[in-house]
Amino acid sequence: MADKQDGDQKPIPTVLKHIVRRRETSPDMPFSFQVNHLPCDMDSFLRTKLIRYFPNHCIWIYNNKYTHEGFYRVYKIYQLEAFFFGQYYERLKRYEIDPHAFDYSSEVKS
């Protein structure tokens, strides 16, 4: 008899709702323009161990990188800037510090 009672009941249709989520690609940064553009050495080796010695805005970006896509993009931009400007700085330093001489002997006419 229990089977007849269970069989007599009609299934209740389930309603699936699609939850529309807003794609956050531009986060609200709590820093001023000047602080946002201060250097962060995010491409350094072992940054997980060195992050506590970074400036506060770098630590904040590092801690919030997985909050949503916008913060991850900011983190990657900081990494890109650190790599680009670090390479530029190294090349400039090598050019200024490394001894180099210019040969003007072919230009001088006697």
Protein backbone atom coordinates (compact mmCIF):
# COMPACT_ATOMS: atom_id res chain seq x y z
CA MET A 1 0.00 0.00 0.00
CA ALA A 2 2.89 2.37 0.65
CA ASP A 3 3.96 1.94 -2.95
CA LYS A 4 0.54 2.96 -4.23
CA GLN A 5 0.51 6.12 -2.13
CA ASP A 6 4.02 7.11 -3.28
CA GLY A 7 3.13 6.35 -6.87
CA ASP A 8 -0.05 8.42 -6.77
CA GLN A 9 1.80 11.61 -5.91
CA LYS A 10 2.84 13.73 -8.86
CA PRO A 11 6.40 15.06 -8.94
CA ILE A 12 6.80 18.73 -8.10
CA PRO A 13 8.59 20.58 -10.90
CA THR A 14 11.78 22.32 -9.80
CA VAL A 15 12.45 25.80 -10.99
CA LEU A 16 16.06 26.65 -11.77
CA LYS A 17 16.97 30.28 -11.57
CA HIS A 18 20.03 31.73 -13.23
CA ILE A 19 21.75 34.11 -10.84
CA VAL A 20 23.11 36.99 -12.84
CA ARG A 21 26.39 38.18 -11.40
CA ARG A 22 28.02 41.43 -12.29
CA ARG A 23 31.47 41.05 -13.79
CA GLU A 24 33.79 43.26 -11.77
CA THR A 25 36.74 44.24 -13.93
CA SER A 26 37.52 47.68 -12.53
CA PRO A 27 37.91 47.57 -8.76
CA ASP A 28 37.65 50.56 -6.46
CA MET A 29 41.11 51.14 -5.09
CA PRO A 30 41.31 52.71 -1.62
CA PHE A 31 44.50 54.59 -2.49
CA SER A 32 45.18 57.94 -4.05
CA PHE A 33 46.58 58.33 -7.55
CA GLN A 34 50.10 58.88 -6.25
CA VAL A 35 50.05 55.82 -4.00
CA ASN A 36 48.67 53.62 -6.79
CA HIS A 37 51.66 54.52 -8.94
CA LEU A 38 54.37 53.95 -6.36
CA PRO A 39 56.77 51.14 -7.23
CA CYS A 40 56.11 47.57 -6.12
CA ASP A 41 58.65 44.88 -6.82
CA MET A 42 56.03 42.21 -7.47
CA ASP A 43 58.21 40.21 -9.84
CA SER A 44 60.89 39.51 -7.23
CA PHE A 45 61.99 35.98 -6.45
CA LEU A 46 60.37 34.45 -3.33
CA ARG A 47 57.86 37.28 -3.01
CA THR A 48 55.72 35.10 -0.70
CA LYS A 49 58.46 35.34 1.91
CA LEU A 50 59.36 38.96 1.19
CA ILE A 51 55.84 40.40 0.96
CA ARG A 52 55.84 41.45 4.64
CA TYR A 53 58.68 43.89 3.87
CA PHE A 54 56.90 45.53 0.92
CA PRO A 55 55.07 48.86 1.22
CA ASN A 56 51.50 48.66 2.54
CA HIS A 57 49.76 49.19 -0.79
CA CYS A 58 51.75 46.31 -2.31
CA ILE A 59 50.75 44.02 0.56
CA TRP A 60 47.11 45.04 0.14
CA ILE A 61 47.18 44.25 -3.59
CA TYR A 62 48.91 40.93 -2.93
CA ASN A 63 46.35 39.91 -0.28
CA ASN A 64 43.34 40.86 -2.43
CA LYS A 65 44.49 39.42 -5.74
CA TYR A 66 41.96 36.57 -5.66
CA THR A 67 38.99 38.66 -4.49
CA HIS A 68 37.67 39.02 -8.02
CA GLU A 69 38.89 39.45 -11.56
CA GLY A 70 39.49 43.18 -11.28
CA PHE A 71 41.92 42.88 -8.39
CA TYR A 72 43.72 40.04 -10.15
CA ARG A 73 44.18 42.31 -13.16
CA VAL A 74 45.60 45.02 -10.92
CA TYR A 75 48.00 42.49 -9.39
CA LYS A 76 49.16 41.40 -12.85
CA ILE A 77 49.62 45.02 -13.93
CA TYR A 78 51.80 45.60 -10.85
CA GLN A 79 53.83 42.54 -11.82
CA LEU A 80 54.20 43.78 -15.38
CA GLU A 81 55.26 47.25 -14.27
CA ALA A 82 57.79 45.78 -11.82
CA PHE A 83 59.30 43.63 -14.53
CA PHE A 84 59.36 46.36 -17.16
CA PHE A 85 60.75 49.13 -14.98
CA GLY A 86 63.13 46.72 -13.23
CA GLN A 87 64.61 45.74 -16.58
CA TYR A 88 64.83 49.38 -17.60
CA TYR A 89 66.53 50.31 -14.30
CA GLU A 90 69.06 47.48 -14.61
CA ARG A 91 69.98 48.46 -18.15
CA LEU A 92 70.29 52.12 -17.21
CA LYS A 93 72.40 51.27 -14.16
CA ARG A 94 74.69 49.02 -16.20
CA TYR A 95 75.14 51.73 -18.79
CA GLU A 96 76.01 54.36 -16.17
CA ILE A 97 78.15 52.23 -13.84
CA ASP A 98 79.91 49.83 -16.18
CA PRO A 99 83.03 51.37 -17.66
CA HIS A 100 82.63 52.28 -21.28
CA ALA A 101 84.79 54.37 -23.56
CA PHE A 102 83.98 56.06 -26.78
CA ASP A 103 86.46 55.94 -29.58
CA TYR A 104 86.55 59.24 -31.46
CA SER A 105 89.86 58.60 -33.19
CA SER A 106 88.21 58.19 -36.55
CA GLU A 107 86.39 61.53 -36.13
CA VAL A 108 89.42 63.63 -35.31
CA LYS A 109 91.15 64.99 -38.39
CA SER A 110 94.55 66.50 -38.09
